[in-house]
């Protein structure tokens, strides 16, 4: 039982250590993952804020250019001014809009009135088919309008978007459009120096879900209507935020930070690849996991080694206890084992009220045997007697011991006097039957004298009573001529003084 408790305790400690290692490793990885995620969110938000402020500032300058052109057209005498003054009145503010590709002023039919920019537009230019012109002509209440990407006719087909405002006559009717174009390449130049990873992306949406441009730029991906995508609907439904989602454009899972512009119908997103964000964390997790596995295996290995050592020590202790309780010559339990067995069976007999019998056996004239045949032959005779004792007791709790020298004892639990006499007589006869020659004995063979005592112990009774009764019974057997069985009732002898043990 003690060994079982030790093994359970050892396994419990090993389990606690292993679980502790796993728990600490798991918690460390989880905290590190959360920190990695939060750091990615902060980085994307910082990049988003920087880009948004820069882009919004450039759009402000472009819008001021549009408004300046509209105010210039309102001057009634502008047509009588020189071309140089007309240009300055219309496009003086456009000089500060470096973001602009070109600026066009067209009439109600879409024909060019004036233009500004690095490329001079053809005088025969008509934009009545453009989205920005149609939108203002159809809807008189649109303010600033941002068009879908189109191939610029003034910049040799460069993909551009138009930022436009309506022109009105004195009656408030549609009188044309003033439009500033922004090449997509110019917008994408804002993102060139950013490091977003191999799968990072920046997207600029119109507030109806039209993808205006994307970095890294891919002409096949821009100008898509993604307004029906749950991913884009979330962008359009909130002012700003950060979330993880699979892109409807290329199917890559990213952490997306987005922000809607306050003054323009635009939504800007900065998206970082989840796989790239966690690539370093995954490497760290792999190393830590391997280290955790190694440590857990080490704990298991040490547990196995400790268990083996525990078993070895237990076997050694068991062997030592057995050696300490075993007689080297005969292999029977020794006098120490006799005391332990007697104490245990006495307590059991007291609890159960059952009888307890004790046999003292002494080999007759054994000193003469050793003197005549030598101690080697004497040892062989004692081993034969010991084997005979063991062969004549059948029950597991019956114990035969070597009490010392040529003396033996047998403890018989739950055995009354009659049963003890029967066993003793069988033992005596079996020893005679061995036929071990003993010329120093009147019987010419090795014989034994046996004293029997039996008792029904009760609480408060003395253990020495039974021992003394068996000893006196053995003395009586020797006094009766040896090679016989003599018995005494322990209760009857309780008040008698102990007599000295007779010599063999």
Foldseek 3Di string as FASTA:
>chain_A
DVLVVVLVVLVVVLVVVLVVLVVVLVVVLVVVVVVLVVVVVVVFVVVQVVLVVVVVVLVVLVVVLQVQQLVLVPPVCLVVDDPVVSCCSRGVSVVPNPQFAKKFWAWLQQFTDAIDHPFGDDNRDGCCVAPVSVVCQVDVPDAWDKAAWWQDPRPRGATWIKTKGFHADPVSHTTTMMITIGGLVSSCVSCPPDDQDPPKKKWKAFLQQATRAMPVGDVVQHRDRPNVPPVVVVQNVDAWDWDWDQDPRPRFIWIKTKHADPPHRMIMIITHGPCVSCVVSVVVSVVSVVVSVVVSVVSVVVSVVVSVVSVVVVVVVVVVVLVVQADPLQRFGEQVVVVVLLVVLLVVLQVVLAKKKKKKKAKPPLVQVCVVPNVVVSSVLLNVLSVLLVVLDDDPSWGKYAHDDRMIMIIDHRDAPVRVQVSVVSSQVVSVVVQDADPVAPVRGIGMEMEMEMERDHPPDDSVLNVLQRQVRSQVRVVVPGSYYGYDYSVVCVPPDRDDRDDD
